[in-house]
Amino acid sequence: MSVKRYKLFATCYDKRGRILSYGENSYSKTHPLMAELSKEMHGHPEKMYLHAEVQALLRCGDKKPYKLIVQRFDSEGKPAMAKPCPICQKALQLYGVKELWYTAEHQQMIKERF
């Protein structure tokens, strides 16, 4: 049984719109923060692989992310729903992200404020 994988990317920006970091889903790597959050949020050990949002947040280092944009593309290169899972939403709260943008079907971008 093959798993259909999507290309998922996340980019963190500061308040002035400058790129701070970039991340993408990894199906072979994880991080202690990802493991901790996946266990805390409904006990989803299968979601311990490193999500793009968490990788982008971790790569910010000591810089404070203001906005995070998540983009997901299907196997044909078309935008697909990229709303962060509950685990990643918890990570966004921990890092104090104020704005979230993500792709949706029909080439839409959805904006949420925290």
N, C-alpha and C. Protein backbone atom coordinates (compact mmCIF):
# COMPACT_ATOMS: atom_id res chain seq x y z
N MET A 1 0.85 -1.18 0.00
CA MET A 1 0.00 0.00 0.00
C MET A 1 0.90 1.24 0.00
N SER A 2 0.76 2.06 -0.97
CA SER A 2 1.58 3.27 -1.04
C SER A 2 0.83 4.44 -0.41
N VAL A 3 1.60 5.34 0.16
CA VAL A 3 1.04 6.52 0.79
C VAL A 3 1.24 7.69 -0.17
N LYS A 4 0.15 8.42 -0.43
CA LYS A 4 0.26 9.58 -1.30
C LYS A 4 0.83 10.74 -0.49
N ARG A 5 1.97 11.20 -0.86
CA ARG A 5 2.60 12.29 -0.14
C ARG A 5 2.51 13.58 -0.93
N TYR A 6 2.33 14.63 -0.20
CA TYR A 6 2.22 15.96 -0.77
C TYR A 6 3.49 16.73 -0.46
N LYS A 7 3.73 17.76 -1.22
CA LYS A 7 4.81 18.69 -0.92
C LYS A 7 4.20 19.75 -0.01
N LEU A 8 4.77 19.89 1.17
CA LEU A 8 4.26 20.87 2.13
C LEU A 8 5.43 21.72 2.62
N PHE A 9 5.26 23.02 2.55
CA PHE A 9 6.31 23.97 2.91
C PHE A 9 5.76 25.00 3.90
N ALA A 10 6.59 25.47 4.79
CA ALA A 10 6.21 26.52 5.74
C ALA A 10 7.33 27.56 5.78
N THR A 11 6.94 28.82 5.81
CA THR A 11 7.91 29.92 5.86
C THR A 11 7.51 30.86 6.99
N CYS A 12 8.48 31.22 7.83
CA CYS A 12 8.26 32.16 8.92
C CYS A 12 8.75 33.55 8.51
N TYR A 13 8.00 34.56 8.89
CA TYR A 13 8.33 35.95 8.60
C TYR A 13 8.32 36.75 9.89
N ASP A 14 9.12 37.82 9.93
CA ASP A 14 9.06 38.73 11.07
C ASP A 14 7.97 39.76 10.81
N LYS A 15 7.82 40.69 11.74
CA LYS A 15 6.75 41.69 11.64
C LYS A 15 6.90 42.61 10.42
N ARG A 16 8.11 42.76 9.92
CA ARG A 16 8.36 43.62 8.76
C ARG A 16 8.25 42.88 7.44
N GLY A 17 7.94 41.58 7.50
CA GLY A 17 7.78 40.80 6.28
C GLY A 17 9.04 40.14 5.77
N ARG A 18 10.10 40.15 6.57
CA ARG A 18 11.35 39.51 6.17
C ARG A 18 11.30 38.02 6.50
N ILE A 19 11.83 37.21 5.60
CA ILE A 19 11.87 35.77 5.82
C ILE A 19 12.87 35.44 6.92
N LEU A 20 12.40 34.67 7.90
CA LEU A 20 13.27 34.23 9.00
C LEU A 20 13.74 32.80 8.79
N SER A 21 12.85 31.95 8.31
CA SER A 21 13.20 30.55 8.15
C SER A 21 12.21 29.84 7.24
N TYR A 22 12.56 28.60 6.93
CA TYR A 22 11.81 27.80 5.98
C TYR A 22 11.84 26.35 6.47
N GLY A 23 10.75 25.63 6.26
CA GLY A 23 10.72 24.21 6.63
C GLY A 23 9.88 23.41 5.67
N GLU A 24 10.10 22.11 5.64
CA GLU A 24 9.28 21.22 4.83
C GLU A 24 9.09 19.91 5.58
N ASN A 25 8.01 19.21 5.26
CA ASN A 25 7.75 17.94 5.92
C ASN A 25 8.89 16.97 5.70
N SER A 26 9.23 16.24 6.74
CA SER A 26 10.21 15.17 6.64
C SER A 26 9.52 13.89 7.07
N TYR A 27 9.60 12.88 6.26
CA TYR A 27 8.98 11.60 6.58
C TYR A 27 9.99 10.64 7.20
N SER A 28 11.20 11.14 7.50
CA SER A 28 12.21 10.28 8.10
C SER A 28 12.84 10.89 9.35
N LYS A 29 12.62 12.18 9.61
CA LYS A 29 13.24 12.83 10.75
C LYS A 29 12.18 13.30 11.74
N THR A 30 12.61 13.50 12.97
CA THR A 30 11.75 14.08 13.99
C THR A 30 12.61 14.99 14.86
N HIS A 31 12.00 15.53 15.89
CA HIS A 31 12.69 16.43 16.81
C HIS A 31 12.03 16.22 18.18
N PRO A 32 12.76 16.40 19.28
CA PRO A 32 12.15 16.21 20.60
C PRO A 32 10.88 17.05 20.81
N LEU A 33 10.84 18.28 20.29
CA LEU A 33 9.64 19.11 20.43
C LEU A 33 8.47 18.47 19.69
N MET A 34 8.72 17.95 18.49
CA MET A 34 7.66 17.31 17.71
C MET A 34 7.14 16.09 18.46
N ALA A 35 8.03 15.30 19.03
CA ALA A 35 7.63 14.10 19.77
C ALA A 35 6.79 14.48 20.99
N GLU A 36 7.23 15.51 21.71
CA GLU A 36 6.50 15.96 22.90
C GLU A 36 5.10 16.45 22.54
N LEU A 37 5.00 17.29 21.51
CA LEU A 37 3.70 17.82 21.10
C LEU A 37 2.77 16.74 20.57
N SER A 38 3.31 15.78 19.83
CA SER A 38 2.47 14.73 19.26
C SER A 38 1.90 13.83 20.35
N LYS A 39 2.65 13.61 21.41
CA LYS A 39 2.13 12.81 22.53
C LYS A 39 1.10 13.60 23.33
N GLU A 40 1.37 14.91 23.51
CA GLU A 40 0.47 15.77 24.29
C GLU A 40 -0.88 15.94 23.59
N MET A 41 -0.87 16.09 22.29
CA MET A 41 -2.09 16.36 21.53
C MET A 41 -2.74 15.05 21.10
N HIS A 42 -3.56 14.52 21.93
CA HIS A 42 -4.37 13.33 21.63
C HIS A 42 -3.57 12.07 21.41
N GLY A 43 -2.32 12.03 21.82
CA GLY A 43 -1.52 10.81 21.71
C GLY A 43 -1.40 10.28 20.30
N HIS A 44 -0.89 11.10 19.40
CA HIS A 44 -0.71 10.70 18.01
C HIS A 44 0.75 10.35 17.73
N PRO A 45 1.23 9.18 18.15
CA PRO A 45 2.63 8.85 17.90
C PRO A 45 2.96 8.72 16.41
N GLU A 46 1.96 8.45 15.58
CA GLU A 46 2.23 8.33 14.14
C GLU A 46 2.54 9.68 13.50
N LYS A 47 2.27 10.76 14.21
CA LYS A 47 2.55 12.09 13.69
C LYS A 47 3.84 12.66 14.25
N MET A 48 4.76 11.79 14.65
CA MET A 48 6.01 12.25 15.23
C MET A 48 7.02 12.71 14.19
N TYR A 49 6.76 12.45 12.91
CA TYR A 49 7.69 12.95 11.91
C TYR A 49 7.66 14.47 11.92
N LEU A 50 8.72 15.08 11.48
CA LEU A 50 8.87 16.53 11.58
C LEU A 50 7.99 17.25 10.56
N HIS A 51 7.04 18.02 11.07
CA HIS A 51 6.15 18.79 10.21
C HIS A 51 6.83 20.08 9.77
N ALA A 52 6.46 20.57 8.61
CA ALA A 52 7.07 21.76 8.04
C ALA A 52 6.95 22.96 8.97
N GLU A 53 5.79 23.12 9.60
CA GLU A 53 5.57 24.26 10.48
C GLU A 53 6.54 24.24 11.66
N VAL A 54 6.69 23.08 12.27
CA VAL A 54 7.58 22.96 13.44
C VAL A 54 9.04 23.15 13.01
N GLN A 55 9.42 22.59 11.87
CA GLN A 55 10.79 22.77 11.40
C GLN A 55 11.08 24.25 11.15
N ALA A 56 10.15 24.97 10.53
CA ALA A 56 10.35 26.39 10.27
C ALA A 56 10.46 27.17 11.57
N LEU A 57 9.62 26.85 12.55
CA LEU A 57 9.69 27.53 13.84
C LEU A 57 11.01 27.26 14.55
N LEU A 58 11.45 26.03 14.53
CA LEU A 58 12.72 25.68 15.17
C LEU A 58 13.89 26.41 14.52
N ARG A 59 13.83 26.57 13.22
CA ARG A 59 14.93 27.23 12.50
C ARG A 59 14.97 28.74 12.71
N CYS A 60 13.95 29.31 13.35
CA CYS A 60 13.96 30.75 13.64
C CYS A 60 15.02 31.11 14.67
N GLY A 61 15.43 30.12 15.45
CA GLY A 61 16.43 30.38 16.48
C GLY A 61 15.88 31.35 17.51
N ASP A 62 16.63 32.44 17.77
CA ASP A 62 16.19 33.41 18.76
C ASP A 62 15.34 34.53 18.16
N LYS A 63 15.06 34.47 16.87
CA LYS A 63 14.22 35.49 16.22
C LYS A 63 12.75 35.14 16.43
N LYS A 64 11.92 36.16 16.63
CA LYS A 64 10.51 35.95 16.93
C LYS A 64 9.68 35.96 15.64
N PRO A 65 9.06 34.82 15.31
CA PRO A 65 8.22 34.78 14.11
C PRO A 65 6.89 35.50 14.34
N TYR A 66 6.48 36.29 13.38
CA TYR A 66 5.20 37.01 13.45
C TYR A 66 4.15 36.31 12.59
N LYS A 67 4.56 35.92 11.40
CA LYS A 67 3.64 35.30 10.44
C LYS A 67 4.23 34.01 9.92
N LEU A 68 3.34 33.03 9.70
CA LEU A 68 3.76 31.76 9.12
C LEU A 68 2.85 31.46 7.94
N ILE A 69 3.44 31.12 6.81
CA ILE A 69 2.68 30.75 5.61
C ILE A 69 2.95 29.28 5.33
N VAL A 70 1.88 28.50 5.18
CA VAL A 70 1.99 27.07 4.89
C VAL A 70 1.40 26.83 3.51
N GLN A 71 2.16 26.15 2.66
CA GLN A 71 1.71 25.85 1.30
C GLN A 71 1.82 24.36 1.05
N ARG A 72 0.78 23.81 0.47
CA ARG A 72 0.75 22.38 0.17
C ARG A 72 0.37 22.22 -1.30
N PHE A 73 1.08 21.33 -1.97
CA PHE A 73 0.82 21.08 -3.39
C PHE A 73 0.64 19.59 -3.61
N ASP A 74 -0.36 19.24 -4.41
CA ASP A 74 -0.62 17.83 -4.68
C ASP A 74 0.36 17.30 -5.72
N SER A 75 0.19 16.05 -6.09
CA SER A 75 1.13 15.41 -7.02
C SER A 75 1.13 16.06 -8.40
N GLU A 76 0.08 16.83 -8.71
CA GLU A 76 0.02 17.54 -9.99
C GLU A 76 0.50 18.98 -9.87
N GLY A 77 0.96 19.37 -8.70
CA GLY A 77 1.46 20.72 -8.49
C GLY A 77 0.38 21.75 -8.20
N LYS A 78 -0.85 21.30 -7.95
CA LYS A 78 -1.95 22.22 -7.65
C LYS A 78 -2.03 22.46 -6.15
N PRO A 79 -2.42 23.69 -5.74
CA PRO A 79 -2.55 23.97 -4.31
C PRO A 79 -3.59 23.05 -3.67
N ALA A 80 -3.29 22.63 -2.46
CA ALA A 80 -4.19 21.76 -1.70
C ALA A 80 -4.31 22.31 -0.29
N MET A 81 -5.29 21.80 0.45
CA MET A 81 -5.52 22.26 1.82
C MET A 81 -4.27 22.04 2.67
N ALA A 82 -3.83 23.11 3.34
CA ALA A 82 -2.62 23.04 4.16
C ALA A 82 -2.86 23.56 5.57
N LYS A 83 -4.09 23.52 6.04
CA LYS A 83 -4.37 24.00 7.39
C LYS A 83 -3.57 23.16 8.39
N PRO A 84 -2.81 23.82 9.27
CA PRO A 84 -2.00 23.08 10.22
C PRO A 84 -2.83 22.18 11.13
N CYS A 85 -2.27 21.04 11.46
CA CYS A 85 -2.92 20.09 12.36
C CYS A 85 -2.91 20.66 13.79
N PRO A 86 -3.65 20.05 14.72
CA PRO A 86 -3.66 20.54 16.10
C PRO A 86 -2.26 20.58 16.74
N ILE A 87 -1.41 19.66 16.37
CA ILE A 87 -0.05 19.65 16.91
C ILE A 87 0.70 20.91 16.47
N CYS A 88 0.61 21.24 15.20
CA CYS A 88 1.30 22.43 14.69
C CYS A 88 0.65 23.71 15.19
N GLN A 89 -0.66 23.71 15.37
CA GLN A 89 -1.33 24.89 15.93
C GLN A 89 -0.84 25.16 17.35
N LYS A 90 -0.61 24.10 18.10
CA LYS A 90 -0.06 24.25 19.46
C LYS A 90 1.35 24.85 19.40
N ALA A 91 2.15 24.39 18.44
CA ALA A 91 3.50 24.93 18.27
C ALA A 91 3.45 26.41 17.90
N LEU A 92 2.51 26.80 17.04
CA LEU A 92 2.35 28.21 16.67
C LEU A 92 2.05 29.06 17.90
N GLN A 93 1.20 28.55 18.78
CA GLN A 93 0.88 29.27 20.02
C GLN A 93 2.11 29.39 20.91
N LEU A 94 2.87 28.30 21.04
CA LEU A 94 4.07 28.32 21.87
C LEU A 94 5.08 29.35 21.40
N TYR A 95 5.18 29.53 20.09
CA TYR A 95 6.15 30.46 19.51
C TYR A 95 5.59 31.87 19.35
N GLY A 96 4.33 32.07 19.68
CA GLY A 96 3.74 33.41 19.64
C GLY A 96 3.45 33.94 18.25
N VAL A 97 3.21 33.06 17.30
CA VAL A 97 2.88 33.50 15.94
C VAL A 97 1.54 34.23 15.96
N LYS A 98 1.47 35.38 15.30
CA LYS A 98 0.25 36.20 15.30
C LYS A 98 -0.63 35.99 14.08
N GLU A 99 -0.02 35.65 12.94
CA GLU A 99 -0.75 35.46 11.69
C GLU A 99 -0.39 34.13 11.06
N LEU A 100 -1.41 33.47 10.54
CA LEU A 100 -1.21 32.21 9.83
C LEU A 100 -1.92 32.32 8.49
N TRP A 101 -1.21 31.99 7.44
CA TRP A 101 -1.79 31.90 6.09
C TRP A 101 -1.55 30.48 5.60
N TYR A 102 -2.54 29.89 4.92
CA TYR A 102 -2.35 28.56 4.36
C TYR A 102 -3.15 28.39 3.09
N THR A 103 -2.65 27.53 2.22
CA THR A 103 -3.34 27.28 0.96
C THR A 103 -4.59 26.44 1.20
N ALA A 104 -5.56 26.66 0.33
CA ALA A 104 -6.78 25.86 0.32
C ALA A 104 -7.01 25.45 -1.13
N GLU A 105 -8.01 24.66 -1.34
CA GLU A 105 -8.30 24.24 -2.71
C GLU A 105 -8.78 25.43 -3.53
N HIS A 106 -8.75 25.30 -4.80
CA HIS A 106 -9.18 26.34 -5.75
C HIS A 106 -8.29 27.58 -5.67
N GLN A 107 -7.01 27.39 -5.38
CA GLN A 107 -6.00 28.44 -5.37
C GLN A 107 -6.33 29.59 -4.42
N GLN A 108 -6.93 29.27 -3.28
CA GLN A 108 -7.24 30.28 -2.26
C GLN A 108 -6.17 30.25 -1.18
N MET A 109 -6.00 31.40 -0.53
CA MET A 109 -5.16 31.49 0.66
C MET A 109 -6.08 31.91 1.80
N ILE A 110 -6.00 31.21 2.92
CA ILE A 110 -6.81 31.49 4.09
C ILE A 110 -5.93 32.17 5.13
N LYS A 111 -6.47 33.20 5.78
CA LYS A 111 -5.73 33.93 6.81
C LYS A 111 -6.43 33.77 8.15
N GLU A 112 -5.63 33.48 9.19
CA GLU A 112 -6.14 33.42 10.56
C GLU A 112 -5.25 34.29 11.44
N ARG A 113 -5.85 34.90 12.41
CA ARG A 113 -5.10 35.71 13.39
C ARG A 113 -5.23 35.07 14.76
N PHE A 114 -4.16 35.17 15.53
CA PHE A 114 -4.18 34.62 16.89
C PHE A 114 -4.11 35.75 17.91
